[in-house]
């Protein structure tokens, strides 16, 4: 596929299977978990498996593979077991991606739990300053994802993401993943032409559009400012089709990966439905 549309794909049966599924569904890019998303330790990836993944990707015609870290990780957690496990798991993710030739890891900034948000943000900064030192073989980017701000989740505002980036000793190692569902639920109204222009202008002013390295294209089950993270099929939620039309026709984002994280169906047929719908929005 010549465009940069894709979806999150299952690695069931082997990492390389995700690439085959992406090609079969008509993707131009894809996102994967490199391990089970609800276990702290991943299955060890053999050299043969890593090589099979790389070689399958090399002949796939896909533009890019992006990794998403596991949901258990909370780098904003206070000192203790969760923080220790989170640091170890993210270091392992970085090392794994270095072996697989993946150069972007999407991650949720984490939850500040019982402490003030500023304390949580500082912990994320310290975590990455440590991780970039500890895993020098990973030379790629960490993409901080915009979140809905559910509970004590950090990353609801562009300002919070900017605090992490500017506070780090390695600001050039960060990019941003813009999730359409999350930003809308966080209160950024991209559903009108004026709103979309305003939100992107804010993003550019606070973070810089050059930091936008990935979109997650998800409609939202819940409304503007609801702070609830529930994905819906494209055009079937509270966002409607317009925000996706704006993104698909925005020349600034032509070569930026746009990943679906919507319900998949038994054979990825719902991905094909959503991809077709998105492509049909291009003027």
Foldseek 3Di string as FASTA:
>chain_A
DPFQEWAEAEQPPAVLVRLVLGLVLPHQEYEYAPAPQPDLDGDDQDLVRLVSNQVSVVPSNHDAYEYEHHPQAALLDDPDDSNVSNLVSVLVVLLSCLSNVHAEYEYFNHFNPPDDPVSSLVSSQVSVLVSCVVRVSRPHAYAHEQALCPDRGPRVDLQSVLCSLVVHPCNVRYAHEYEPQSNQSSAQQLLDVVSVVVVVVVNCVRPNPVRHQEYAYFAYQDGGNNSDDDGAAAQPHRSHPRSLLCQLAPPVCRHHRYYYPHDQPDSSVSVSVRVVVSVVSHD
